Amino acid sequence: MPKLARMPPPAESPYGTDLYLWAEAQAALLRAGRRQEIDVANLAEEIASVGASQKSEIRSRLAVLIAHLLKWEYQPEKRKYGWRATLMEQRLQIEGLIEVSPSLKPWPEAVLGKAYRLARVRAADDTGLPDGAFPADCPYAIGQILDASYYPGAPEREVV
């Protein structure tokens, strides 16, 4: 491990008390070329956490999206405009995250199983239907899930 990585941040560093202030200070040091003053160990951790955060957000949004697809399909008589808005929002947010980080394009498919398990529990809770009312495995392909024009189940009736 490099010597700098083992060094704690300077005593006056706000890293533990004000992350935003610390990040702004680190950015200013980088811009000024004052690399010897940078809190290298914590900066590396924060950079790594950005990618983990994006992956987690995609997985979470995918679970919400799938839960709403299940509700849409399994309770067509209760469809609401809000469900459609949620489907659109989650799809656009996932698309935006992948646009910013194209290397995450395969991530939704990689976590589809985990996202579906959570979505199934949420859909059961939201609808009052038993878990067994929904398929054990995700019934939708990732392309369908992310396709803004895809709505499963019976043809759409008037949505309130």
N, C-alpha and C. Protein backbone atom coordinates (compact mmCIF):
# COMPACT_ATOMS: atom_id res chain seq x y z
N MET A 1 0.85 -1.17 0.00
CA MET A 1 0.00 0.00 0.00
C MET A 1 0.89 1.24 0.00
N PRO A 2 0.64 2.21 -0.90
CA PRO A 2 1.45 3.41 -0.93
C PRO A 2 1.36 4.17 0.39
N LYS A 3 2.44 4.89 0.70
CA LYS A 3 2.51 5.62 1.96
C LYS A 3 1.34 6.59 2.11
N LEU A 4 0.99 7.30 1.04
CA LEU A 4 -0.10 8.27 1.11
C LEU A 4 -1.43 7.62 1.47
N ALA A 5 -1.66 6.41 0.99
CA ALA A 5 -2.92 5.73 1.24
C ALA A 5 -3.08 5.37 2.72
N ARG A 6 -1.98 5.24 3.44
CA ARG A 6 -2.04 4.89 4.86
C ARG A 6 -2.15 6.11 5.75
N MET A 7 -1.90 7.28 5.19
CA MET A 7 -1.91 8.50 6.00
C MET A 7 -3.34 8.97 6.25
N PRO A 8 -3.66 9.32 7.51
CA PRO A 8 -4.99 9.86 7.78
C PRO A 8 -5.10 11.26 7.17
N PRO A 9 -6.32 11.73 6.93
CA PRO A 9 -6.47 13.08 6.41
C PRO A 9 -5.96 14.08 7.43
N PRO A 10 -5.54 15.26 6.98
CA PRO A 10 -5.07 16.28 7.92
C PRO A 10 -6.12 16.55 8.98
N ALA A 11 -5.67 16.94 10.19
CA ALA A 11 -6.57 17.16 11.32
C ALA A 11 -7.67 18.16 10.99
N GLU A 12 -7.36 19.15 10.17
CA GLU A 12 -8.35 20.18 9.85
C GLU A 12 -9.31 19.75 8.73
N SER A 13 -9.15 18.55 8.23
CA SER A 13 -10.00 18.06 7.15
C SER A 13 -11.44 17.88 7.62
N PRO A 14 -12.40 18.38 6.86
CA PRO A 14 -13.81 18.21 7.24
C PRO A 14 -14.39 16.87 6.75
N TYR A 15 -13.56 15.94 6.32
CA TYR A 15 -14.06 14.70 5.73
C TYR A 15 -15.10 14.00 6.62
N GLY A 16 -14.83 13.89 7.88
CA GLY A 16 -15.73 13.18 8.78
C GLY A 16 -16.91 14.00 9.26
N THR A 17 -16.90 15.31 9.02
CA THR A 17 -17.97 16.15 9.54
C THR A 17 -18.79 16.88 8.48
N ASP A 18 -18.20 17.12 7.30
CA ASP A 18 -18.92 17.84 6.24
C ASP A 18 -18.39 17.35 4.89
N LEU A 19 -18.99 16.30 4.37
CA LEU A 19 -18.51 15.67 3.15
C LEU A 19 -18.51 16.63 1.97
N TYR A 20 -19.55 17.44 1.84
CA TYR A 20 -19.62 18.38 0.73
C TYR A 20 -18.45 19.37 0.79
N LEU A 21 -18.21 19.96 1.97
CA LEU A 21 -17.12 20.91 2.13
C LEU A 21 -15.78 20.24 1.81
N TRP A 22 -15.60 19.01 2.29
CA TRP A 22 -14.37 18.26 2.02
C TRP A 22 -14.21 18.04 0.51
N ALA A 23 -15.29 17.62 -0.17
CA ALA A 23 -15.21 17.35 -1.61
C ALA A 23 -14.87 18.61 -2.38
N GLU A 24 -15.47 19.72 -2.01
CA GLU A 24 -15.16 21.00 -2.67
C GLU A 24 -13.68 21.37 -2.47
N ALA A 25 -13.17 21.14 -1.28
CA ALA A 25 -11.76 21.44 -0.99
C ALA A 25 -10.84 20.54 -1.83
N GLN A 26 -11.20 19.26 -1.94
CA GLN A 26 -10.39 18.33 -2.74
C GLN A 26 -10.39 18.73 -4.21
N ALA A 27 -11.55 19.13 -4.72
CA ALA A 27 -11.64 19.58 -6.11
C ALA A 27 -10.79 20.82 -6.34
N ALA A 28 -10.83 21.75 -5.40
CA ALA A 28 -10.04 22.97 -5.52
C ALA A 28 -8.54 22.64 -5.52
N LEU A 29 -8.13 21.72 -4.66
CA LEU A 29 -6.72 21.31 -4.62
C LEU A 29 -6.31 20.67 -5.94
N LEU A 30 -7.17 19.82 -6.50
CA LEU A 30 -6.87 19.19 -7.79
C LEU A 30 -6.73 20.25 -8.89
N ARG A 31 -7.69 21.17 -8.93
CA ARG A 31 -7.64 22.23 -9.96
C ARG A 31 -6.39 23.10 -9.83
N ALA A 32 -5.97 23.32 -8.60
CA ALA A 32 -4.80 24.17 -8.36
C ALA A 32 -3.49 23.40 -8.54
N GLY A 33 -3.59 22.09 -8.79
CA GLY A 33 -2.38 21.29 -8.96
C GLY A 33 -1.64 21.02 -7.66
N ARG A 34 -2.31 21.17 -6.55
CA ARG A 34 -1.68 20.97 -5.23
C ARG A 34 -1.91 19.53 -4.77
N ARG A 35 -1.41 18.61 -5.56
CA ARG A 35 -1.65 17.19 -5.34
C ARG A 35 -1.11 16.66 -4.01
N GLN A 36 -0.04 17.24 -3.52
CA GLN A 36 0.56 16.77 -2.28
C GLN A 36 -0.33 17.02 -1.07
N GLU A 37 -1.33 17.90 -1.22
CA GLU A 37 -2.24 18.22 -0.11
C GLU A 37 -3.55 17.43 -0.17
N ILE A 38 -3.73 16.63 -1.20
CA ILE A 38 -4.98 15.90 -1.39
C ILE A 38 -5.09 14.74 -0.42
N ASP A 39 -6.27 14.52 0.08
CA ASP A 39 -6.58 13.40 0.98
C ASP A 39 -6.80 12.17 0.09
N VAL A 40 -5.70 11.57 -0.34
CA VAL A 40 -5.71 10.51 -1.35
C VAL A 40 -6.56 9.31 -0.95
N ALA A 41 -6.38 8.81 0.25
CA ALA A 41 -7.10 7.59 0.66
C ALA A 41 -8.61 7.80 0.64
N ASN A 42 -9.07 8.89 1.23
CA ASN A 42 -10.51 9.14 1.26
C ASN A 42 -11.05 9.52 -0.12
N LEU A 43 -10.25 10.22 -0.90
CA LEU A 43 -10.68 10.57 -2.25
C LEU A 43 -10.88 9.31 -3.10
N ALA A 44 -9.97 8.36 -2.97
CA ALA A 44 -10.10 7.10 -3.71
C ALA A 44 -11.37 6.36 -3.28
N GLU A 45 -11.65 6.34 -1.99
CA GLU A 45 -12.86 5.68 -1.49
C GLU A 45 -14.11 6.35 -2.03
N GLU A 46 -14.13 7.67 -2.04
CA GLU A 46 -15.30 8.40 -2.52
C GLU A 46 -15.52 8.19 -4.02
N ILE A 47 -14.46 8.16 -4.78
CA ILE A 47 -14.58 7.91 -6.22
C ILE A 47 -15.13 6.52 -6.46
N ALA A 48 -14.63 5.53 -5.73
CA ALA A 48 -15.13 4.17 -5.88
C ALA A 48 -16.61 4.07 -5.48
N SER A 49 -17.00 4.84 -4.48
CA SER A 49 -18.39 4.76 -4.03
C SER A 49 -19.37 5.36 -5.04
N VAL A 50 -18.89 6.23 -5.91
CA VAL A 50 -19.76 6.80 -6.94
C VAL A 50 -20.29 5.69 -7.85
N GLY A 51 -19.42 4.82 -8.30
CA GLY A 51 -19.84 3.71 -9.16
C GLY A 51 -20.78 2.77 -8.43
N ALA A 52 -20.47 2.46 -7.19
CA ALA A 52 -21.33 1.58 -6.41
C ALA A 52 -22.70 2.21 -6.21
N SER A 53 -22.73 3.49 -6.01
CA SER A 53 -23.99 4.21 -5.82
C SER A 53 -24.84 4.17 -7.08
N GLN A 54 -24.22 4.35 -8.23
CA GLN A 54 -24.96 4.30 -9.49
C GLN A 54 -25.54 2.91 -9.72
N LYS A 55 -24.75 1.88 -9.42
CA LYS A 55 -25.24 0.51 -9.59
C LYS A 55 -26.43 0.24 -8.66
N SER A 56 -26.31 0.70 -7.43
CA SER A 56 -27.38 0.51 -6.46
C SER A 56 -28.64 1.26 -6.89
N GLU A 57 -28.48 2.46 -7.41
CA GLU A 57 -29.63 3.23 -7.86
C GLU A 57 -30.34 2.55 -9.03
N ILE A 58 -29.57 2.02 -9.96
CA ILE A 58 -30.17 1.31 -11.09
C ILE A 58 -30.96 0.09 -10.59
N ARG A 59 -30.37 -0.69 -9.69
CA ARG A 59 -31.05 -1.88 -9.15
C ARG A 59 -32.34 -1.47 -8.43
N SER A 60 -32.30 -0.43 -7.65
CA SER A 60 -33.47 0.04 -6.92
C SER A 60 -34.57 0.52 -7.86
N ARG A 61 -34.19 1.31 -8.85
CA ARG A 61 -35.17 1.82 -9.82
C ARG A 61 -35.76 0.68 -10.65
N LEU A 62 -34.95 -0.31 -10.96
CA LEU A 62 -35.42 -1.47 -11.71
C LEU A 62 -36.47 -2.23 -10.90
N ALA A 63 -36.26 -2.37 -9.60
CA ALA A 63 -37.22 -3.06 -8.74
C ALA A 63 -38.55 -2.31 -8.70
N VAL A 64 -38.50 -0.99 -8.59
CA VAL A 64 -39.73 -0.18 -8.60
C VAL A 64 -40.44 -0.34 -9.94
N LEU A 65 -39.68 -0.28 -11.01
CA LEU A 65 -40.23 -0.41 -12.36
C LEU A 65 -40.93 -1.76 -12.54
N ILE A 66 -40.28 -2.83 -12.16
CA ILE A 66 -40.85 -4.17 -12.32
C ILE A 66 -42.09 -4.32 -11.43
N ALA A 67 -42.04 -3.81 -10.21
CA ALA A 67 -43.21 -3.89 -9.32
C ALA A 67 -44.42 -3.24 -9.98
N HIS A 68 -44.20 -2.10 -10.62
CA HIS A 68 -45.31 -1.42 -11.29
C HIS A 68 -45.76 -2.16 -12.55
N LEU A 69 -44.85 -2.82 -13.24
CA LEU A 69 -45.26 -3.64 -14.39
C LEU A 69 -46.14 -4.80 -13.91
N LEU A 70 -45.77 -5.40 -12.79
CA LEU A 70 -46.57 -6.49 -12.23
C LEU A 70 -47.95 -5.98 -11.82
N LYS A 71 -47.99 -4.85 -11.14
CA LYS A 71 -49.27 -4.28 -10.74
C LYS A 71 -50.12 -3.96 -11.97
N TRP A 72 -49.48 -3.41 -12.99
CA TRP A 72 -50.17 -3.06 -14.24
C TRP A 72 -50.80 -4.31 -14.87
N GLU A 73 -50.02 -5.39 -14.90
CA GLU A 73 -50.49 -6.61 -15.54
C GLU A 73 -51.52 -7.36 -14.70
N TYR A 74 -51.30 -7.44 -13.39
CA TYR A 74 -52.13 -8.29 -12.55
C TYR A 74 -53.33 -7.59 -11.92
N GLN A 75 -53.39 -6.28 -12.03
CA GLN A 75 -54.57 -5.56 -11.54
C GLN A 75 -54.99 -4.49 -12.55
N PRO A 76 -55.35 -4.93 -13.76
CA PRO A 76 -55.69 -3.95 -14.80
C PRO A 76 -56.88 -3.06 -14.43
N GLU A 77 -57.77 -3.58 -13.60
CA GLU A 77 -58.94 -2.79 -13.21
C GLU A 77 -58.59 -1.64 -12.26
N LYS A 78 -57.40 -1.68 -11.69
CA LYS A 78 -56.98 -0.63 -10.75
C LYS A 78 -55.91 0.30 -11.31
N ARG A 79 -55.64 0.18 -12.60
CA ARG A 79 -54.60 1.02 -13.21
C ARG A 79 -54.89 2.50 -12.97
N LYS A 80 -53.82 3.22 -12.69
CA LYS A 80 -53.93 4.65 -12.45
C LYS A 80 -52.88 5.37 -13.29
N TYR A 81 -53.15 6.64 -13.51
CA TYR A 81 -52.18 7.44 -14.25
C TYR A 81 -50.83 7.45 -13.52
N GLY A 82 -50.88 7.46 -12.21
CA GLY A 82 -49.64 7.47 -11.42
C GLY A 82 -48.76 6.27 -11.69
N TRP A 83 -49.37 5.12 -11.98
CA TRP A 83 -48.57 3.94 -12.30
C TRP A 83 -47.82 4.17 -13.60
N ARG A 84 -48.52 4.73 -14.59
CA ARG A 84 -47.88 5.01 -15.88
C ARG A 84 -46.74 6.02 -15.69
N ALA A 85 -47.00 7.04 -14.88
CA ALA A 85 -45.97 8.05 -14.62
C ALA A 85 -44.75 7.42 -13.95
N THR A 86 -44.99 6.50 -13.01
CA THR A 86 -43.88 5.83 -12.34
C THR A 86 -43.09 4.98 -13.33
N LEU A 87 -43.79 4.26 -14.19
CA LEU A 87 -43.11 3.45 -15.20
C LEU A 87 -42.22 4.33 -16.08
N MET A 88 -42.77 5.45 -16.53
CA MET A 88 -42.01 6.35 -17.39
C MET A 88 -40.82 6.95 -16.64
N GLU A 89 -41.06 7.40 -15.42
CA GLU A 89 -39.98 8.02 -14.65
C GLU A 89 -38.83 7.05 -14.41
N GLN A 90 -39.15 5.82 -13.98
CA GLN A 90 -38.09 4.86 -13.69
C GLN A 90 -37.30 4.50 -14.94
N ARG A 91 -38.00 4.33 -16.05
CA ARG A 91 -37.31 4.03 -17.32
C ARG A 91 -36.39 5.17 -17.72
N LEU A 92 -36.87 6.40 -17.61
CA LEU A 92 -36.05 7.55 -17.99
C LEU A 92 -34.86 7.73 -17.04
N GLN A 93 -35.07 7.48 -15.77
CA GLN A 93 -33.97 7.62 -14.80
C GLN A 93 -32.89 6.56 -15.05
N ILE A 94 -33.31 5.33 -15.31
CA ILE A 94 -32.33 4.27 -15.62
C ILE A 94 -31.59 4.62 -16.90
N GLU A 95 -32.32 5.06 -17.91
CA GLU A 95 -31.70 5.47 -19.17
C GLU A 95 -30.68 6.59 -18.93
N GLY A 96 -31.04 7.55 -18.10
CA GLY A 96 -30.13 8.66 -17.80
C GLY A 96 -28.86 8.20 -17.09
N LEU A 97 -29.01 7.29 -16.14
CA LEU A 97 -27.83 6.77 -15.43
C LEU A 97 -26.90 6.03 -16.38
N ILE A 98 -27.47 5.28 -17.31
CA ILE A 98 -26.66 4.54 -18.28
C ILE A 98 -26.03 5.50 -19.29
N GLU A 99 -26.74 6.57 -19.61
CA GLU A 99 -26.20 7.58 -20.52
C GLU A 99 -24.95 8.23 -19.93
N VAL A 100 -24.99 8.49 -18.64
CA VAL A 100 -23.85 9.12 -17.95
C VAL A 100 -22.71 8.13 -17.77
N SER A 101 -23.06 6.86 -17.58
CA SER A 101 -22.06 5.80 -17.37
C SER A 101 -22.38 4.63 -18.30
N PRO A 102 -22.02 4.74 -19.58
CA PRO A 102 -22.36 3.69 -20.55
C PRO A 102 -21.84 2.30 -20.18
N SER A 103 -20.79 2.23 -19.41
CA SER A 103 -20.26 0.92 -19.02
C SER A 103 -21.25 0.16 -18.13
N LEU A 104 -22.27 0.83 -17.60
CA LEU A 104 -23.28 0.18 -16.77
C LEU A 104 -24.45 -0.38 -17.59
N LYS A 105 -24.36 -0.30 -18.91
CA LYS A 105 -25.46 -0.79 -19.75
C LYS A 105 -25.83 -2.25 -19.46
N PRO A 106 -24.87 -3.15 -19.22
CA PRO A 106 -25.25 -4.54 -18.91
C PRO A 106 -25.76 -4.74 -17.48
N TRP A 107 -25.63 -3.76 -16.62
CA TRP A 107 -25.95 -3.91 -15.21
C TRP A 107 -27.42 -4.27 -14.96
N PRO A 108 -28.40 -3.62 -15.60
CA PRO A 108 -29.79 -4.00 -15.33
C PRO A 108 -30.07 -5.49 -15.57
N GLU A 109 -29.53 -6.02 -16.62
CA GLU A 109 -29.75 -7.46 -16.88
C GLU A 109 -29.03 -8.31 -15.84
N ALA A 110 -27.85 -7.86 -15.42
CA ALA A 110 -27.07 -8.61 -14.43
C ALA A 110 -27.78 -8.70 -13.08
N VAL A 111 -28.56 -7.69 -12.72
CA VAL A 111 -29.24 -7.68 -11.42
C VAL A 111 -30.75 -7.93 -11.53
N LEU A 112 -31.19 -8.36 -12.70
CA LEU A 112 -32.61 -8.55 -12.93
C LEU A 112 -33.23 -9.52 -11.91
N GLY A 113 -32.56 -10.61 -11.62
CA GLY A 113 -33.10 -11.59 -10.67
C GLY A 113 -33.31 -10.99 -9.29
N LYS A 114 -32.32 -10.28 -8.78
CA LYS A 114 -32.43 -9.65 -7.46
C LYS A 114 -33.51 -8.58 -7.46
N ALA A 115 -33.53 -7.77 -8.50
CA ALA A 115 -34.53 -6.71 -8.59
C ALA A 115 -35.93 -7.30 -8.66
N TYR A 116 -36.07 -8.41 -9.38
CA TYR A 116 -37.39 -9.04 -9.50
C TYR A 116 -37.87 -9.57 -8.16
N ARG A 117 -36.99 -10.19 -7.40
CA ARG A 117 -37.40 -10.73 -6.09
C ARG A 117 -37.96 -9.61 -5.20
N LEU A 118 -37.30 -8.49 -5.19
CA LEU A 118 -37.79 -7.35 -4.42
C LEU A 118 -39.09 -6.81 -5.01
N ALA A 119 -39.15 -6.70 -6.33
CA ALA A 119 -40.34 -6.19 -7.00
C ALA A 119 -41.56 -7.06 -6.71
N ARG A 120 -41.34 -8.35 -6.69
CA ARG A 120 -42.45 -9.30 -6.43
C ARG A 120 -43.02 -9.09 -5.03
N VAL A 121 -42.15 -8.90 -4.06
CA VAL A 121 -42.59 -8.64 -2.68
C VAL A 121 -43.34 -7.31 -2.62
N ARG A 122 -42.80 -6.28 -3.27
CA ARG A 122 -43.46 -4.97 -3.27
C ARG A 122 -44.83 -5.04 -3.96
N ALA A 123 -44.89 -5.73 -5.09
CA ALA A 123 -46.16 -5.83 -5.82
C ALA A 123 -47.20 -6.58 -4.98
N ALA A 124 -46.78 -7.63 -4.31
CA ALA A 124 -47.70 -8.37 -3.45
C ALA A 124 -48.21 -7.47 -2.33
N ASP A 125 -47.31 -6.73 -1.73
CA ASP A 125 -47.69 -5.82 -0.64
C ASP A 125 -48.63 -4.72 -1.14
N ASP A 126 -48.30 -4.13 -2.28
CA ASP A 126 -49.11 -3.04 -2.82
C ASP A 126 -50.49 -3.49 -3.31
N THR A 127 -50.58 -4.69 -3.84
CA THR A 127 -51.84 -5.16 -4.43
C THR A 127 -52.70 -5.97 -3.47
N GLY A 128 -52.07 -6.50 -2.43
CA GLY A 128 -52.80 -7.39 -1.54
C GLY A 128 -52.89 -8.81 -2.08
N LEU A 129 -52.30 -9.04 -3.24
CA LEU A 129 -52.27 -10.39 -3.81
C LEU A 129 -51.17 -11.20 -3.13
N PRO A 130 -51.31 -12.52 -3.05
CA PRO A 130 -50.24 -13.34 -2.46
C PRO A 130 -49.04 -13.40 -3.40
N ASP A 131 -47.86 -13.61 -2.80
CA ASP A 131 -46.63 -13.75 -3.60
C ASP A 131 -46.81 -14.74 -4.74
N GLY A 132 -47.54 -15.83 -4.46
CA GLY A 132 -47.74 -16.88 -5.44
C GLY A 132 -48.56 -16.47 -6.65
N ALA A 133 -49.18 -15.31 -6.58
CA ALA A 133 -49.96 -14.82 -7.73
C ALA A 133 -49.03 -14.36 -8.85
N PHE A 134 -47.79 -14.11 -8.50
CA PHE A 134 -46.80 -13.63 -9.47
C PHE A 134 -45.83 -14.76 -9.80
N PRO A 135 -45.30 -14.78 -11.02
CA PRO A 135 -44.35 -15.84 -11.39
C PRO A 135 -43.12 -15.84 -10.48
N ALA A 136 -42.55 -17.01 -10.28
CA ALA A 136 -41.35 -17.13 -9.45
C ALA A 136 -40.16 -16.41 -10.08
N ASP A 137 -40.09 -16.44 -11.42
CA ASP A 137 -39.01 -15.76 -12.14
C ASP A 137 -39.60 -14.61 -12.94
N CYS A 138 -38.80 -13.63 -13.21
CA CYS A 138 -39.26 -12.44 -13.91
C CYS A 138 -39.86 -12.82 -15.28
N PRO A 139 -41.11 -12.44 -15.51
CA PRO A 139 -41.75 -12.79 -16.77
C PRO A 139 -41.42 -11.86 -17.93
N TYR A 140 -40.64 -10.82 -17.65
CA TYR A 140 -40.32 -9.82 -18.67
C TYR A 140 -38.84 -9.86 -19.01
N ALA A 141 -38.55 -9.69 -20.28
CA ALA A 141 -37.15 -9.56 -20.72
C ALA A 141 -36.69 -8.14 -20.40
N ILE A 142 -35.41 -7.97 -20.20
CA ILE A 142 -34.89 -6.64 -19.84
C ILE A 142 -35.23 -5.61 -20.92
N GLY A 143 -35.23 -6.03 -22.17
CA GLY A 143 -35.60 -5.11 -23.26
C GLY A 143 -37.03 -4.62 -23.12
N GLN A 144 -37.93 -5.50 -22.72
CA GLN A 144 -39.32 -5.10 -22.51
C GLN A 144 -39.43 -4.16 -21.32
N ILE A 145 -38.77 -4.49 -20.25
CA ILE A 145 -38.84 -3.69 -19.03
C ILE A 145 -38.42 -2.25 -19.30
N LEU A 146 -37.37 -2.08 -20.07
CA LEU A 146 -36.83 -0.74 -20.32
C LEU A 146 -37.47 -0.04 -21.51
N ASP A 147 -38.32 -0.73 -22.24
CA ASP A 147 -38.98 -0.17 -23.43
C ASP A 147 -40.15 0.71 -23.01
N ALA A 148 -40.06 1.99 -23.32
CA ALA A 148 -41.09 2.95 -22.90
C ALA A 148 -42.47 2.64 -23.45
N SER A 149 -42.56 1.86 -24.50
CA SER A 149 -43.87 1.56 -25.08
C SER A 149 -44.44 0.22 -24.59
N TYR A 150 -43.71 -0.47 -23.72
CA TYR A 150 -44.16 -1.79 -23.27
C TYR A 150 -45.01 -1.69 -22.01
N TYR A 151 -46.22 -2.22 -22.11
CA TYR A 151 -47.14 -2.34 -20.98
C TYR A 151 -47.72 -3.75 -21.05
N PRO A 152 -47.44 -4.60 -20.07
CA PRO A 152 -47.87 -5.99 -20.12
C PRO A 152 -49.36 -6.17 -19.82
N GLY A 153 -49.85 -7.35 -20.14
CA GLY A 153 -51.20 -7.70 -19.75
C GLY A 153 -52.24 -7.29 -20.77
N ALA A 154 -53.46 -7.26 -20.28
CA ALA A 154 -54.61 -6.93 -21.12
C ALA A 154 -54.45 -5.55 -21.72
N PRO A 155 -55.02 -5.34 -22.91
CA PRO A 155 -54.93 -4.02 -23.52
C PRO A 155 -55.43 -2.95 -22.56
N GLU A 156 -54.87 -1.82 -22.71
CA GLU A 156 -55.16 -0.73 -21.78
C GLU A 156 -56.58 -0.21 -21.93
N ARG A 157 -57.20 -0.01 -20.80
CA ARG A 157 -58.50 0.66 -20.79
C ARG A 157 -58.23 2.10 -20.37
N GLU A 158 -59.25 2.87 -20.21
CA GLU A 158 -59.08 4.26 -19.77
C GLU A 158 -58.43 4.26 -18.39
N VAL A 159 -57.32 4.96 -18.27
CA VAL A 159 -56.60 5.03 -17.00
C VAL A 159 -56.96 6.34 -16.31
N VAL A 160 -57.34 6.23 -15.04
CA VAL A 160 -57.72 7.42 -14.28
C VAL A 160 -56.57 8.04 -13.58
